[in-house]
Amino acid sequence: LFSAIPYIGGDLVMWMWGGFAVDNATLTRFFSLHFLLPFIIAGLSMVHLLFLHQTGSNNPLGINSNFDKILFHPYFSSKDLFGFMVMITLLMSICFFFPWTLGDPENFIPANPLVTP
């Protein structure tokens, strides 16, 4: 995908790979990136929520709209908790009453002792 970029595509691919081919350095880089990226995104999301909580959202009209705002904790957190409980109840009912629904059909094939070790 990066090789399609004109002029710098080949150099960019070699820089990302860490050499001329996919090797141990490439796997180490990509594993580190995929391990650290969720933590970086979570940290940036927390910083974003902190700044949003401290300053409030931006109003481009400049009109004070405090009378339209409601508190987050008792209203939205209870709504989210209710949705979470509904989803957990649905998942538990599937697991308890229809346990083979989400399973692999090959689990029901009897093992052949001449083929399996």
N, C-alpha and C. Protein backbone atom coordinates (compact mmCIF):
# COMPACT_ATOMS: atom_id res chain seq x y z
N LEU A 1 0.82 -1.19 0.00
CA LEU A 1 0.00 0.00 0.00
C LEU A 1 0.86 1.25 0.00
N PHE A 2 1.92 1.24 0.80
CA PHE A 2 2.80 2.40 0.83
C PHE A 2 3.65 2.49 -0.43
N SER A 3 3.84 1.38 -1.10
CA SER A 3 4.65 1.41 -2.31
C SER A 3 3.96 2.14 -3.46
N ALA A 4 2.66 2.40 -3.35
CA ALA A 4 1.93 3.12 -4.39
C ALA A 4 2.14 4.62 -4.31
N ILE A 5 2.75 5.12 -3.25
CA ILE A 5 3.00 6.56 -3.11
C ILE A 5 4.14 6.94 -4.06
N PRO A 6 3.93 7.94 -4.90
CA PRO A 6 4.97 8.30 -5.86
C PRO A 6 6.23 8.83 -5.17
N TYR A 7 7.37 8.55 -5.76
CA TYR A 7 8.70 9.03 -5.39
C TYR A 7 9.23 8.44 -4.09
N ILE A 8 8.45 8.39 -3.03
CA ILE A 8 8.98 7.95 -1.73
C ILE A 8 8.41 6.61 -1.30
N GLY A 9 7.59 5.98 -2.13
CA GLY A 9 6.92 4.74 -1.73
C GLY A 9 7.87 3.61 -1.41
N GLY A 10 8.86 3.39 -2.28
CA GLY A 10 9.80 2.30 -2.04
C GLY A 10 10.64 2.52 -0.79
N ASP A 11 11.10 3.75 -0.59
CA ASP A 11 11.88 4.05 0.62
C ASP A 11 11.02 3.93 1.87
N LEU A 12 9.77 4.32 1.77
CA LEU A 12 8.87 4.23 2.92
C LEU A 12 8.61 2.77 3.30
N VAL A 13 8.44 1.93 2.29
CA VAL A 13 8.23 0.50 2.56
C VAL A 13 9.46 -0.11 3.21
N MET A 14 10.65 0.22 2.68
CA MET A 14 11.87 -0.33 3.28
C MET A 14 12.07 0.19 4.70
N TRP A 15 11.69 1.43 4.96
CA TRP A 15 11.81 1.98 6.31
C TRP A 15 10.86 1.27 7.27
N MET A 16 9.63 1.00 6.80
CA MET A 16 8.67 0.31 7.67
C MET A 16 9.08 -1.14 7.90
N TRP A 17 9.60 -1.79 6.87
CA TRP A 17 10.02 -3.18 7.01
C TRP A 17 11.28 -3.31 7.84
N GLY A 18 12.11 -2.30 7.83
CA GLY A 18 13.38 -2.38 8.53
C GLY A 18 14.43 -3.10 7.71
N GLY A 19 14.24 -3.20 6.43
CA GLY A 19 15.19 -3.87 5.54
C GLY A 19 14.55 -4.08 4.19
N PHE A 20 15.11 -5.03 3.43
CA PHE A 20 14.60 -5.27 2.08
C PHE A 20 13.45 -6.27 2.05
N ALA A 21 13.22 -6.96 3.14
CA ALA A 21 12.15 -7.97 3.19
C ALA A 21 11.55 -7.99 4.60
N VAL A 22 10.40 -8.62 4.71
CA VAL A 22 9.77 -8.78 6.03
C VAL A 22 10.62 -9.76 6.83
N ASP A 23 11.08 -9.30 7.99
CA ASP A 23 12.01 -10.09 8.78
C ASP A 23 11.64 -9.95 10.25
N ASN A 24 12.52 -10.37 11.12
CA ASN A 24 12.28 -10.30 12.56
C ASN A 24 12.10 -8.85 13.03
N ALA A 25 12.84 -7.92 12.44
CA ALA A 25 12.70 -6.51 12.82
C ALA A 25 11.30 -6.00 12.48
N THR A 26 10.77 -6.42 11.34
CA THR A 26 9.42 -5.99 10.95
C THR A 26 8.38 -6.53 11.92
N LEU A 27 8.50 -7.80 12.27
CA LEU A 27 7.53 -8.39 13.19
C LEU A 27 7.61 -7.74 14.57
N THR A 28 8.82 -7.43 15.01
CA THR A 28 8.98 -6.77 16.31
C THR A 28 8.36 -5.38 16.29
N ARG A 29 8.59 -4.64 15.20
CA ARG A 29 8.01 -3.29 15.09
C ARG A 29 6.49 -3.35 15.07
N PHE A 30 5.95 -4.22 14.26
CA PHE A 30 4.49 -4.28 14.14
C PHE A 30 3.85 -4.79 15.42
N PHE A 31 4.49 -5.75 16.09
CA PHE A 31 3.95 -6.23 17.36
C PHE A 31 3.97 -5.11 18.40
N SER A 32 5.07 -4.37 18.47
CA SER A 32 5.15 -3.26 19.42
C SER A 32 4.10 -2.20 19.11
N LEU A 33 3.93 -1.90 17.82
CA LEU A 33 2.92 -0.91 17.43
C LEU A 33 1.52 -1.37 17.82
N HIS A 34 1.20 -2.62 17.54
CA HIS A 34 -0.14 -3.11 17.84
C HIS A 34 -0.36 -3.33 19.33
N PHE A 35 0.71 -3.48 20.09
CA PHE A 35 0.56 -3.60 21.53
C PHE A 35 0.40 -2.22 22.18
N LEU A 36 1.17 -1.24 21.74
CA LEU A 36 1.16 0.07 22.39
C LEU A 36 0.04 0.99 21.90
N LEU A 37 -0.42 0.80 20.67
CA LEU A 37 -1.41 1.72 20.10
C LEU A 37 -2.71 1.79 20.90
N PRO A 38 -3.29 0.70 21.42
CA PRO A 38 -4.50 0.84 22.23
C PRO A 38 -4.29 1.65 23.50
N PHE A 39 -3.12 1.50 24.13
CA PHE A 39 -2.84 2.29 25.33
C PHE A 39 -2.68 3.77 25.00
N ILE A 40 -2.05 4.06 23.88
CA ILE A 40 -1.90 5.45 23.46
C ILE A 40 -3.26 6.06 23.15
N ILE A 41 -4.11 5.33 22.45
CA ILE A 41 -5.45 5.83 22.12
C ILE A 41 -6.27 6.02 23.39
N ALA A 42 -6.19 5.09 24.33
CA ALA A 42 -6.93 5.23 25.59
C ALA A 42 -6.43 6.43 26.38
N GLY A 43 -5.12 6.64 26.42
CA GLY A 43 -4.57 7.81 27.12
C GLY A 43 -5.00 9.11 26.48
N LEU A 44 -4.96 9.19 25.15
CA LEU A 44 -5.41 10.40 24.47
C LEU A 44 -6.91 10.63 24.68
N SER A 45 -7.68 9.56 24.72
CA SER A 45 -9.12 9.72 24.98
C SER A 45 -9.37 10.26 26.39
N MET A 46 -8.59 9.79 27.36
CA MET A 46 -8.74 10.30 28.73
C MET A 46 -8.34 11.77 28.82
N VAL A 47 -7.26 12.14 28.15
CA VAL A 47 -6.85 13.55 28.15
C VAL A 47 -7.91 14.40 27.47
N HIS A 48 -8.48 13.90 26.38
CA HIS A 48 -9.54 14.62 25.68
C HIS A 48 -10.76 14.81 26.60
N LEU A 49 -11.17 13.76 27.30
CA LEU A 49 -12.31 13.88 28.21
C LEU A 49 -11.99 14.81 29.38
N LEU A 50 -10.75 14.80 29.85
CA LEU A 50 -10.35 15.71 30.93
C LEU A 50 -10.47 17.16 30.48
N PHE A 51 -9.93 17.47 29.31
CA PHE A 51 -10.02 18.85 28.81
C PHE A 51 -11.46 19.24 28.51
N LEU A 52 -12.24 18.31 27.98
CA LEU A 52 -13.65 18.60 27.70
C LEU A 52 -14.42 18.84 29.00
N HIS A 53 -14.08 18.09 30.04
CA HIS A 53 -14.74 18.26 31.33
C HIS A 53 -14.35 19.58 31.99
N GLN A 54 -13.10 19.99 31.84
CA GLN A 54 -12.64 21.22 32.48
C GLN A 54 -13.20 22.46 31.79
N THR A 55 -13.15 22.49 30.46
CA THR A 55 -13.53 23.71 29.74
C THR A 55 -14.95 23.68 29.21
N GLY A 56 -15.52 22.53 29.04
CA GLY A 56 -16.84 22.42 28.43
C GLY A 56 -16.72 22.39 26.92
N SER A 57 -17.80 22.06 26.27
CA SER A 57 -17.76 21.99 24.81
C SER A 57 -17.82 23.39 24.22
N ASN A 58 -17.39 23.51 22.99
CA ASN A 58 -17.33 24.80 22.32
C ASN A 58 -18.68 25.11 21.69
N ASN A 59 -19.13 26.33 21.87
CA ASN A 59 -20.37 26.78 21.27
C ASN A 59 -20.03 27.83 20.22
N PRO A 60 -20.19 27.53 18.93
CA PRO A 60 -19.79 28.50 17.91
C PRO A 60 -20.67 29.75 17.88
N LEU A 61 -21.88 29.68 18.40
CA LEU A 61 -22.76 30.85 18.39
C LEU A 61 -22.45 31.81 19.53
N GLY A 62 -21.78 31.34 20.55
CA GLY A 62 -21.44 32.20 21.68
C GLY A 62 -22.59 32.40 22.66
N ILE A 63 -23.66 31.62 22.52
CA ILE A 63 -24.82 31.75 23.40
C ILE A 63 -24.63 30.81 24.58
N ASN A 64 -24.93 31.27 25.77
CA ASN A 64 -24.84 30.43 26.96
C ASN A 64 -26.01 29.45 26.96
N SER A 65 -25.68 28.18 26.94
CA SER A 65 -26.74 27.16 26.86
C SER A 65 -26.71 26.26 28.08
N ASN A 66 -26.46 26.81 29.24
CA ASN A 66 -26.41 25.98 30.44
C ASN A 66 -27.77 25.40 30.81
N PHE A 67 -28.85 26.07 30.44
CA PHE A 67 -30.18 25.56 30.80
C PHE A 67 -30.55 24.32 29.99
N ASP A 68 -29.88 24.08 28.86
CA ASP A 68 -30.15 22.89 28.05
C ASP A 68 -29.36 21.67 28.52
N LYS A 69 -28.39 21.86 29.40
CA LYS A 69 -27.51 20.77 29.80
C LYS A 69 -28.11 19.99 30.97
N ILE A 70 -27.85 18.68 30.97
CA ILE A 70 -28.25 17.84 32.09
C ILE A 70 -27.01 17.15 32.63
N LEU A 71 -27.08 16.66 33.85
CA LEU A 71 -25.94 16.01 34.46
C LEU A 71 -25.67 14.66 33.79
N PHE A 72 -24.40 14.31 33.71
CA PHE A 72 -24.03 13.06 33.06
C PHE A 72 -24.30 11.86 33.95
N HIS A 73 -23.89 11.98 35.24
CA HIS A 73 -23.86 10.78 36.08
C HIS A 73 -25.21 10.13 36.33
N PRO A 74 -26.19 10.79 36.86
CA PRO A 74 -27.38 9.98 37.16
C PRO A 74 -28.16 9.58 35.91
N TYR A 75 -28.07 10.35 34.83
CA TYR A 75 -28.92 10.07 33.68
C TYR A 75 -28.24 9.17 32.66
N PHE A 76 -27.13 9.61 32.13
CA PHE A 76 -26.47 8.85 31.07
C PHE A 76 -25.78 7.60 31.59
N SER A 77 -25.22 7.65 32.78
CA SER A 77 -24.56 6.45 33.30
C SER A 77 -25.59 5.37 33.62
N SER A 78 -26.77 5.74 34.10
CA SER A 78 -27.81 4.72 34.34
C SER A 78 -28.33 4.16 33.02
N LYS A 79 -28.43 5.00 32.00
CA LYS A 79 -28.85 4.53 30.69
C LYS A 79 -27.83 3.56 30.10
N ASP A 80 -26.55 3.88 30.22
CA ASP A 80 -25.50 2.99 29.73
C ASP A 80 -25.45 1.70 30.54
N LEU A 81 -25.65 1.79 31.84
CA LEU A 81 -25.66 0.59 32.68
C LEU A 81 -26.83 -0.31 32.30
N PHE A 82 -27.98 0.27 32.01
CA PHE A 82 -29.14 -0.52 31.58
C PHE A 82 -28.85 -1.23 30.26
N GLY A 83 -28.27 -0.53 29.30
CA GLY A 83 -27.92 -1.15 28.02
C GLY A 83 -26.90 -2.26 28.19
N PHE A 84 -25.92 -2.04 29.06
CA PHE A 84 -24.91 -3.06 29.33
C PHE A 84 -25.55 -4.30 29.94
N MET A 85 -26.46 -4.10 30.88
CA MET A 85 -27.12 -5.23 31.52
C MET A 85 -28.01 -5.99 30.53
N VAL A 86 -28.67 -5.29 29.62
CA VAL A 86 -29.48 -5.96 28.60
C VAL A 86 -28.60 -6.82 27.71
N MET A 87 -27.46 -6.29 27.28
CA MET A 87 -26.57 -7.06 26.41
C MET A 87 -25.99 -8.27 27.14
N ILE A 88 -25.61 -8.10 28.40
CA ILE A 88 -25.09 -9.23 29.18
C ILE A 88 -26.17 -10.29 29.37
N THR A 89 -27.41 -9.86 29.62
CA THR A 89 -28.52 -10.80 29.77
C THR A 89 -28.76 -11.58 28.49
N LEU A 90 -28.71 -10.90 27.34
CA LEU A 90 -28.88 -11.60 26.07
C LEU A 90 -27.76 -12.61 25.83
N LEU A 91 -26.53 -12.21 26.10
CA LEU A 91 -25.41 -13.13 25.92
C LEU A 91 -25.51 -14.32 26.87
N MET A 92 -25.88 -14.08 28.12
CA MET A 92 -26.00 -15.18 29.07
C MET A 92 -27.15 -16.11 28.70
N SER A 93 -28.26 -15.55 28.20
CA SER A 93 -29.37 -16.42 27.80
C SER A 93 -28.98 -17.29 26.61
N ILE A 94 -28.21 -16.75 25.67
CA ILE A 94 -27.73 -17.57 24.56
C ILE A 94 -26.81 -18.66 25.08
N CYS A 95 -25.92 -18.31 25.99
CA CYS A 95 -24.96 -19.29 26.52
C CYS A 95 -25.64 -20.38 27.34
N PHE A 96 -26.67 -20.03 28.10
CA PHE A 96 -27.32 -21.00 28.98
C PHE A 96 -28.37 -21.85 28.26
N PHE A 97 -29.17 -21.24 27.39
CA PHE A 97 -30.28 -21.95 26.78
C PHE A 97 -29.95 -22.54 25.41
N PHE A 98 -29.01 -21.94 24.69
CA PHE A 98 -28.60 -22.43 23.37
C PHE A 98 -27.07 -22.51 23.32
N PRO A 99 -26.47 -23.42 24.09
CA PRO A 99 -25.00 -23.39 24.21
C PRO A 99 -24.27 -23.77 22.93
N TRP A 100 -24.88 -24.51 22.02
CA TRP A 100 -24.16 -24.94 20.83
C TRP A 100 -24.38 -24.01 19.65
N THR A 101 -25.12 -22.94 19.84
CA THR A 101 -25.42 -22.03 18.73
C THR A 101 -24.16 -21.36 18.19
N LEU A 102 -23.29 -20.91 19.06
CA LEU A 102 -22.11 -20.17 18.63
C LEU A 102 -20.88 -21.07 18.48
N GLY A 103 -21.06 -22.37 18.59
CA GLY A 103 -19.93 -23.29 18.51
C GLY A 103 -19.61 -23.69 17.08
N ASP A 104 -18.51 -24.38 16.92
CA ASP A 104 -18.08 -24.87 15.62
C ASP A 104 -18.77 -26.19 15.32
N PRO A 105 -19.36 -26.37 14.14
CA PRO A 105 -20.05 -27.63 13.84
C PRO A 105 -19.13 -28.84 13.80
N GLU A 106 -17.84 -28.62 13.57
CA GLU A 106 -16.92 -29.76 13.51
C GLU A 106 -16.67 -30.37 14.88
N ASN A 107 -17.09 -29.73 15.94
CA ASN A 107 -16.93 -30.31 17.27
C ASN A 107 -17.81 -31.54 17.46
N PHE A 108 -18.85 -31.69 16.64
CA PHE A 108 -19.78 -32.81 16.79
C PHE A 108 -19.36 -34.02 15.96
N ILE A 109 -18.33 -33.89 15.15
CA ILE A 109 -17.85 -35.02 14.35
C ILE A 109 -17.03 -35.92 15.26
N PRO A 110 -17.37 -37.22 15.32
CA PRO A 110 -16.59 -38.12 16.19
C PRO A 110 -15.15 -38.24 15.69
N ALA A 111 -14.24 -38.37 16.62
CA ALA A 111 -12.82 -38.49 16.27
C ALA A 111 -12.55 -39.85 15.65
N ASN A 112 -11.77 -39.84 14.61
CA ASN A 112 -11.38 -41.08 13.95
C ASN A 112 -10.05 -41.52 14.54
N PRO A 113 -10.00 -42.65 15.24
CA PRO A 113 -8.74 -43.06 15.88
C PRO A 113 -7.65 -43.45 14.88
N LEU A 114 -8.02 -43.71 13.62
CA LEU A 114 -7.01 -44.04 12.63
C LEU A 114 -6.34 -42.80 12.04
N VAL A 115 -6.97 -41.65 12.20
CA VAL A 115 -6.43 -40.42 11.63
C VAL A 115 -5.81 -39.54 12.71
N THR A 116 -6.47 -39.45 13.85
CA THR A 116 -5.97 -38.58 14.92
C THR A 116 -4.91 -39.31 15.74
N PRO A 117 -3.97 -38.61 16.30
CA PRO A 117 -2.92 -39.28 17.09
C PRO A 117 -3.43 -39.76 18.43
